[in-house]
Amino acid sequence: MWKVVVGFIIFAGLAMFALMNGGEVDMGGEKHGADAVHAPAEPAKKP
């Protein structure tokens, strides 16, 4: 049983390390207000 716990802790640590060093991964949760600004999509160009 203790091997499962140790394995989970190691796996969770590696996953958090990969997420934190992955670049643009935001672990802050949902954003509201000024932080939730999205750029509008460009309209399709007609030929």
N, C-alpha and C. Protein backbone atom coordinates (compact mmCIF):
# COMPACT_ATOMS: atom_id res chain seq x y z
N MET A 1 0.82 -1.20 0.00
CA MET A 1 0.00 0.00 0.00
C MET A 1 0.87 1.26 0.00
N TRP A 2 1.95 1.22 0.76
CA TRP A 2 2.81 2.40 0.84
C TRP A 2 3.46 2.69 -0.50
N LYS A 3 3.66 1.64 -1.34
CA LYS A 3 4.25 1.85 -2.66
C LYS A 3 3.32 2.66 -3.56
N VAL A 4 2.03 2.46 -3.41
CA VAL A 4 1.05 3.22 -4.18
C VAL A 4 1.10 4.69 -3.79
N VAL A 5 1.19 4.97 -2.52
CA VAL A 5 1.25 6.34 -2.03
C VAL A 5 2.53 7.02 -2.51
N VAL A 6 3.65 6.34 -2.40
CA VAL A 6 4.93 6.90 -2.85
C VAL A 6 4.89 7.14 -4.36
N GLY A 7 4.35 6.20 -5.11
CA GLY A 7 4.23 6.36 -6.56
C GLY A 7 3.35 7.54 -6.93
N PHE A 8 2.25 7.71 -6.22
CA PHE A 8 1.37 8.85 -6.49
C PHE A 8 2.07 10.16 -6.20
N ILE A 9 2.79 10.23 -5.10
CA ILE A 9 3.51 11.46 -4.75
C ILE A 9 4.56 11.79 -5.79
N ILE A 10 5.29 10.79 -6.24
CA ILE A 10 6.31 11.02 -7.28
C ILE A 10 5.66 11.46 -8.58
N PHE A 11 4.59 10.79 -8.98
CA PHE A 11 3.89 11.15 -10.22
C PHE A 11 3.31 12.55 -10.13
N ALA A 12 2.71 12.91 -9.00
CA ALA A 12 2.14 14.25 -8.84
C ALA A 12 3.23 15.31 -8.87
N GLY A 13 4.36 15.02 -8.26
CA GLY A 13 5.47 15.96 -8.28
C GLY A 13 6.01 16.16 -9.69
N LEU A 14 6.16 15.09 -10.44
CA LEU A 14 6.62 15.22 -11.83
C LEU A 14 5.61 15.97 -12.69
N ALA A 15 4.33 15.71 -12.47
CA ALA A 15 3.30 16.41 -13.25
C ALA A 15 3.30 17.90 -12.94
N MET A 16 3.42 18.27 -11.69
CA MET A 16 3.46 19.70 -11.33
C MET A 16 4.72 20.36 -11.88
N PHE A 17 5.84 19.65 -11.84
CA PHE A 17 7.09 20.18 -12.40
C PHE A 17 6.93 20.44 -13.89
N ALA A 18 6.33 19.48 -14.62
CA ALA A 18 6.14 19.64 -16.06
C ALA A 18 5.17 20.78 -16.37
N LEU A 19 4.11 20.92 -15.59
CA LEU A 19 3.15 21.99 -15.83
C LEU A 19 3.74 23.37 -15.54
N MET A 20 4.51 23.47 -14.48
CA MET A 20 5.08 24.77 -14.12
C MET A 20 6.17 25.20 -15.09
N ASN A 21 6.90 24.26 -15.66
CA ASN A 21 7.98 24.58 -16.58
C ASN A 21 7.54 24.51 -18.04
N GLY A 22 6.26 24.28 -18.27
CA GLY A 22 5.75 24.09 -19.61
C GLY A 22 5.56 25.37 -20.41
N GLY A 23 5.70 26.51 -19.82
CA GLY A 23 5.52 27.75 -20.58
C GLY A 23 4.27 28.47 -20.16
N GLU A 24 3.29 28.53 -21.04
CA GLU A 24 2.10 29.34 -20.81
C GLU A 24 0.97 28.55 -20.14
N VAL A 25 1.28 27.83 -19.10
CA VAL A 25 0.26 27.11 -18.36
C VAL A 25 -0.12 27.95 -17.16
N ASP A 26 -1.40 28.31 -17.06
CA ASP A 26 -1.88 29.16 -15.97
C ASP A 26 -2.64 28.29 -14.97
N MET A 27 -2.08 28.16 -13.79
CA MET A 27 -2.71 27.34 -12.75
C MET A 27 -3.56 28.19 -11.82
N GLY A 28 -3.96 29.39 -12.28
CA GLY A 28 -4.69 30.32 -11.43
C GLY A 28 -6.18 30.12 -11.37
N GLY A 29 -6.73 29.23 -12.15
CA GLY A 29 -8.17 29.02 -12.13
C GLY A 29 -8.90 29.92 -13.11
N GLU A 30 -10.20 30.08 -12.90
CA GLU A 30 -11.00 30.90 -13.81
C GLU A 30 -10.64 32.37 -13.66
N LYS A 31 -10.74 33.09 -14.78
CA LYS A 31 -10.46 34.52 -14.76
C LYS A 31 -11.74 35.29 -15.03
N HIS A 32 -11.91 36.39 -14.33
CA HIS A 32 -13.08 37.24 -14.50
C HIS A 32 -12.61 38.68 -14.61
N GLY A 33 -13.37 39.49 -15.28
CA GLY A 33 -13.04 40.91 -15.37
C GLY A 33 -11.96 41.17 -16.41
N ALA A 34 -10.99 42.03 -16.06
CA ALA A 34 -9.96 42.45 -17.00
C ALA A 34 -9.04 41.31 -17.39
N ASP A 35 -8.88 40.31 -16.53
CA ASP A 35 -8.01 39.18 -16.85
C ASP A 35 -8.60 38.26 -17.89
N ALA A 36 -9.91 38.35 -18.13
CA ALA A 36 -10.58 37.43 -19.05
C ALA A 36 -10.75 38.01 -20.45
N VAL A 37 -9.93 38.98 -20.82
CA VAL A 37 -10.05 39.62 -22.12
C VAL A 37 -9.56 38.66 -23.20
N HIS A 38 -10.39 38.47 -24.21
CA HIS A 38 -10.04 37.60 -25.33
C HIS A 38 -9.99 38.45 -26.59
N ALA A 39 -9.04 38.16 -27.44
CA ALA A 39 -8.95 38.88 -28.71
C ALA A 39 -10.05 38.37 -29.63
N PRO A 40 -10.75 39.27 -30.30
CA PRO A 40 -11.81 38.81 -31.21
C PRO A 40 -11.20 38.09 -32.42
N ALA A 41 -11.91 37.13 -32.93
CA ALA A 41 -11.45 36.38 -34.10
C ALA A 41 -11.55 37.26 -35.33
N GLU A 42 -10.59 37.11 -36.22
CA GLU A 42 -10.62 37.89 -37.45
C GLU A 42 -11.69 37.33 -38.39
N PRO A 43 -12.46 38.20 -39.05
CA PRO A 43 -13.48 37.69 -39.98
C PRO A 43 -12.83 37.01 -41.17
N ALA A 44 -13.52 36.04 -41.71
CA ALA A 44 -13.01 35.33 -42.88
C ALA A 44 -12.95 36.27 -44.09
N LYS A 45 -11.87 36.17 -44.83
CA LYS A 45 -11.72 37.02 -46.01
C LYS A 45 -12.43 36.38 -47.20
N LYS A 46 -13.15 37.19 -47.94
CA LYS A 46 -13.86 36.69 -49.11
C LYS A 46 -12.93 36.76 -50.31
N PRO A 47 -12.92 35.73 -51.13
CA PRO A 47 -12.04 35.72 -52.31
C PRO A 47 -12.45 36.68 -53.39
